[in-house]
Amino acid sequence: MKTVVLGGGIVGVTTAYFLAKAGDEVVVLDRRDGVALETSFANAGLIAPGHSYTWASPRAPKILLKSLFTEGQALRLKPKADWRMWAWCWLFLQNCTVERSRRNTSIKVRLCRYAQQQLQEATREEGLVYDRISGGLLYLYRDPASFERGVSNMAILADNGLPLETLDRQAVIAREPALRAAGGDIAGAIYCPTDESGDAHLFTRALERR
């Protein structure tokens, strides 16, 4: 089979790699003269099933409403005179119930864990070097109420087999001493030992060479 992939970022090149591995004849098209030269050039590079919650949640509508008047919200809504946008918003709001949020997060965390497994296998098989750091990730909380909600919400991820640890302020500083100066602003953290990170630009270039 012949396949054309539009876009030479990390997703496009990784898609092309697995298609080629499955026997397809693949062509990648990009407007730039190399891979990973736009969004993937400076992507955060987090591989984080430990934060695989869905954006559509019971708290999302309030956050979106506040974003109309307040800067710095996690989600932002910019209204436009486009019926397709409002149709999408209606579908988004339908998924903001407790039941659907839990179901969608459960699906997402399983997908994230599978994707991470495929990443690790490709890294091992191809000998990819991309400044990988596999020491886990800390998810910090600044106030006790938020920390309490985070611990409650993490049960969804833990129920799907993801290893997670809750850390109080002292345990956070013990795990990451660089946070000692900010200790007074930390209520606690959730630690996911299997989360990792890397340089998306280096990864995409290395995979392209293979």
Protein backbone atom coordinates (compact mmCIF):
# COMPACT_ATOMS: atom_id res chain seq x y z
CA MET A 1 0.00 0.00 0.00
CA LYS A 2 1.15 3.53 -0.78
CA THR A 3 0.51 6.12 1.93
CA VAL A 4 1.04 9.88 2.03
CA VAL A 5 1.52 11.51 5.44
CA LEU A 6 0.88 15.26 5.60
CA GLY A 7 3.21 16.96 8.07
CA GLY A 8 6.75 16.11 9.16
CA GLY A 9 6.37 16.77 12.87
CA ILE A 10 6.71 14.17 15.60
CA VAL A 11 3.27 12.70 14.90
CA GLY A 12 3.72 12.58 11.13
CA VAL A 13 7.18 11.03 11.20
CA THR A 14 6.23 8.51 13.89
CA THR A 15 3.15 7.54 11.89
CA ALA A 16 5.30 7.12 8.78
CA TYR A 17 7.78 4.97 10.72
CA PHE A 18 5.15 2.50 11.92
CA LEU A 19 3.46 2.39 8.51
CA ALA A 20 6.79 1.68 6.82
CA LYS A 21 7.54 -0.97 9.43
CA ALA A 22 4.21 -2.61 8.57
CA GLY A 23 5.23 -2.73 4.88
CA ASP A 24 3.68 0.41 3.41
CA GLU A 25 5.45 2.61 0.88
CA VAL A 26 5.32 5.97 2.65
CA VAL A 27 5.90 9.56 1.53
CA VAL A 28 5.95 12.41 4.08
CA LEU A 29 5.08 15.88 2.81
CA ASP A 30 5.94 19.05 4.71
CA ARG A 31 6.17 22.72 3.73
CA ARG A 32 9.57 23.02 5.43
CA ASP A 33 12.82 21.53 4.14
CA GLY A 34 13.26 19.23 7.14
CA VAL A 35 11.36 17.45 9.89
CA ALA A 36 10.27 18.83 13.26
CA LEU A 37 10.94 22.46 12.35
CA GLU A 38 7.70 23.97 13.65
CA THR A 39 5.63 22.87 16.68
CA SER A 40 7.76 19.77 17.26
CA PHE A 41 10.94 21.87 17.27
CA ALA A 42 10.36 23.05 20.85
CA ASN A 43 7.59 20.79 22.11
CA ALA A 44 7.63 20.10 25.85
CA GLY A 45 8.34 16.44 25.13
CA LEU A 46 6.44 15.01 28.12
CA ILE A 47 5.31 11.39 27.94
CA ALA A 48 2.85 11.63 30.79
CA PRO A 49 0.11 9.04 31.29
CA GLY A 50 0.11 10.38 34.87
CA HIS A 51 -1.73 13.44 33.59
CA SER A 52 -4.05 11.82 31.07
CA TYR A 53 -7.26 13.35 32.38
CA THR A 54 -9.74 14.55 29.77
CA TRP A 55 -10.26 18.28 29.33
CA ALA A 56 -14.01 17.74 29.35
CA SER A 57 -14.77 17.47 33.08
CA PRO A 58 -17.44 18.73 35.49
CA ARG A 59 -15.20 21.74 36.33
CA ALA A 60 -14.49 22.67 32.68
CA PRO A 61 -17.63 24.79 31.98
CA LYS A 62 -16.87 27.10 34.93
CA ILE A 63 -13.23 27.43 33.85
CA LEU A 64 -14.26 28.27 30.28
CA LEU A 65 -16.77 30.86 31.49
CA LYS A 66 -14.14 32.51 33.73
CA SER A 67 -11.73 32.59 30.78
CA LEU A 68 -14.01 35.12 29.07
CA PHE A 69 -13.15 37.64 31.79
CA THR A 70 -9.96 36.40 33.48
CA GLU A 71 -6.51 35.63 32.11
CA GLY A 72 -4.51 32.59 33.15
CA GLN A 73 -7.21 29.91 33.01
CA ALA A 74 -6.21 26.34 32.13
CA LEU A 75 -8.79 26.34 29.34
CA ARG A 76 -9.70 29.38 27.26
CA LEU A 77 -12.79 30.10 25.17
CA LYS A 78 -12.65 32.63 22.32
CA PRO A 79 -16.17 32.96 20.87
CA LYS A 80 -16.49 33.20 17.09
CA ALA A 81 -19.42 33.52 14.71
CA ASP A 82 -18.89 29.98 13.44
CA TRP A 83 -21.65 27.39 13.84
CA ARG A 84 -19.11 24.57 13.73
CA MET A 85 -17.39 25.96 16.83
CA TRP A 86 -20.67 26.08 18.77
CA ALA A 87 -21.61 22.58 17.59
CA TRP A 88 -18.26 21.37 18.93
CA CYS A 89 -18.87 23.25 22.22
CA TRP A 90 -22.21 21.49 22.61
CA LEU A 91 -20.56 18.08 22.15
CA PHE A 92 -17.80 19.12 24.59
CA LEU A 93 -20.33 20.12 27.25
CA GLN A 94 -22.17 16.80 26.85
CA ASN A 95 -18.94 15.08 27.92
CA CYS A 96 -18.48 17.22 31.04
CA THR A 97 -20.51 14.93 33.29
CA VAL A 98 -18.89 12.88 36.07
CA GLU A 99 -19.75 9.59 34.35
CA ARG A 100 -18.46 10.55 30.90
CA SER A 101 -15.36 12.22 32.29
CA ARG A 102 -14.45 9.04 34.18
CA ARG A 103 -15.13 6.83 31.16
CA ASN A 104 -13.17 9.03 28.74
CA THR A 105 -10.24 9.36 31.16
CA SER A 106 -10.14 5.58 31.58
CA ILE A 107 -9.95 5.17 27.81
CA LYS A 108 -7.33 7.89 27.49
CA VAL A 109 -4.98 6.53 30.17
CA ARG A 110 -5.04 3.07 28.55
CA LEU A 111 -4.26 4.64 25.18
CA CYS A 112 -1.45 6.70 26.72
CA ARG A 113 0.11 3.65 28.37
CA TYR A 114 -0.05 1.73 25.08
CA ALA A 115 1.53 4.65 23.18
CA GLN A 116 4.31 4.90 25.77
CA GLN A 117 5.00 1.17 25.40
CA GLN A 118 5.29 1.56 21.63
CA LEU A 119 7.62 4.54 22.09
CA GLN A 120 9.87 2.57 24.42
CA GLU A 121 10.00 -0.40 22.05
CA ALA A 122 10.92 1.80 19.08
CA THR A 123 13.56 3.59 21.17
CA ARG A 124 15.10 0.27 22.18
CA GLU A 125 14.93 -1.38 18.74
CA GLU A 126 16.29 1.61 16.82
CA GLY A 127 18.75 2.85 19.44
CA LEU A 128 17.21 6.34 19.41
CA VAL A 129 18.94 9.09 21.38
CA TYR A 130 16.82 12.14 22.26
CA ASP A 131 17.85 13.28 25.78
CA ARG A 132 15.38 10.87 27.35
CA ILE A 133 14.79 11.28 31.10
CA SER A 134 12.88 8.44 32.73
CA GLY A 135 12.87 9.46 36.38
CA GLY A 136 9.13 10.08 36.63
CA LEU A 137 7.20 13.35 36.97
CA LEU A 138 5.94 15.32 39.97
CA TYR A 139 2.53 17.00 39.73
CA LEU A 140 2.62 19.81 42.28
CA TYR A 141 -0.35 21.40 44.09
CA ARG A 142 -0.26 24.83 45.73
CA ASP A 143 -3.25 24.59 48.08
CA PRO A 144 -4.71 21.75 50.17
CA ALA A 145 -8.12 21.81 48.45
CA SER A 146 -6.59 21.32 45.01
CA PHE A 147 -4.31 18.61 46.36
CA GLU A 148 -7.28 16.81 47.90
CA ARG A 149 -9.14 16.92 44.55
CA GLY A 150 -6.03 15.67 42.74
CA VAL A 151 -5.66 12.70 45.08
CA SER A 152 -9.36 11.87 44.64
CA ASN A 153 -9.15 12.13 40.84
CA MET A 154 -6.01 10.00 40.58
CA ALA A 155 -8.05 6.94 41.57
CA ILE A 156 -9.28 6.79 37.95
CA LEU A 157 -5.71 6.42 36.71
CA ALA A 158 -4.70 3.99 39.46
CA ASP A 159 -7.74 1.81 38.71
CA ASN A 160 -6.36 1.45 35.18
CA GLY A 161 -3.00 0.15 36.41
CA LEU A 162 -0.96 3.34 36.54
CA PRO A 163 1.46 3.49 39.52
CA LEU A 164 1.02 6.72 41.48
CA GLU A 165 2.26 8.00 44.85
CA THR A 166 0.94 10.86 46.99
CA LEU A 167 3.62 13.00 48.66
CA ASP A 168 3.23 15.62 51.38
CA ARG A 169 5.38 18.78 51.41
CA GLN A 170 8.32 17.13 53.20
CA ALA A 171 8.28 14.11 50.89
CA VAL A 172 8.23 16.38 47.82
CA ILE A 173 11.33 18.25 49.01
CA ALA A 174 13.04 14.97 49.90
CA ARG A 175 12.46 13.69 46.36
CA GLU A 176 13.41 16.99 44.70
CA PRO A 177 15.64 19.13 46.95
CA ALA A 178 15.64 21.97 44.38
CA LEU A 179 12.08 22.74 45.53
CA ARG A 180 13.15 23.49 49.10
CA ALA A 181 13.02 27.28 48.59
CA ALA A 182 9.43 26.99 47.32
CA GLY A 183 8.35 24.56 50.02
CA GLY A 184 5.96 27.03 51.64
CA ASP A 185 3.96 27.24 48.41
CA ILE A 186 3.59 23.46 48.00
CA ALA A 187 0.66 21.61 49.56
CA GLY A 188 1.71 18.25 48.16
CA ALA A 189 2.27 16.34 44.96
CA ILE A 190 1.35 13.26 43.00
CA TYR A 191 4.34 11.35 41.68
CA CYS A 192 4.14 9.06 38.64
CA PRO A 193 7.40 7.05 38.49
CA THR A 194 6.77 5.76 34.96
CA ASP A 195 6.30 9.18 33.30
CA GLU A 196 9.22 10.49 31.26
CA SER A 197 10.36 13.24 28.93
CA GLY A 198 12.65 13.89 25.99
CA ASP A 199 13.53 16.26 23.17
CA ALA A 200 10.79 15.98 20.53
CA HIS A 201 13.00 17.57 17.85
CA LEU A 202 15.88 15.14 18.43
CA PHE A 203 13.49 12.18 18.57
CA THR A 204 11.82 13.09 15.26
CA ARG A 205 15.13 13.61 13.48
CA ALA A 206 16.52 10.33 14.81
CA LEU A 207 13.41 8.43 13.72
CA GLU A 208 13.52 10.05 10.27
CA ARG A 209 17.07 8.79 9.77
CA ARG A 210 15.93 5.24 10.52
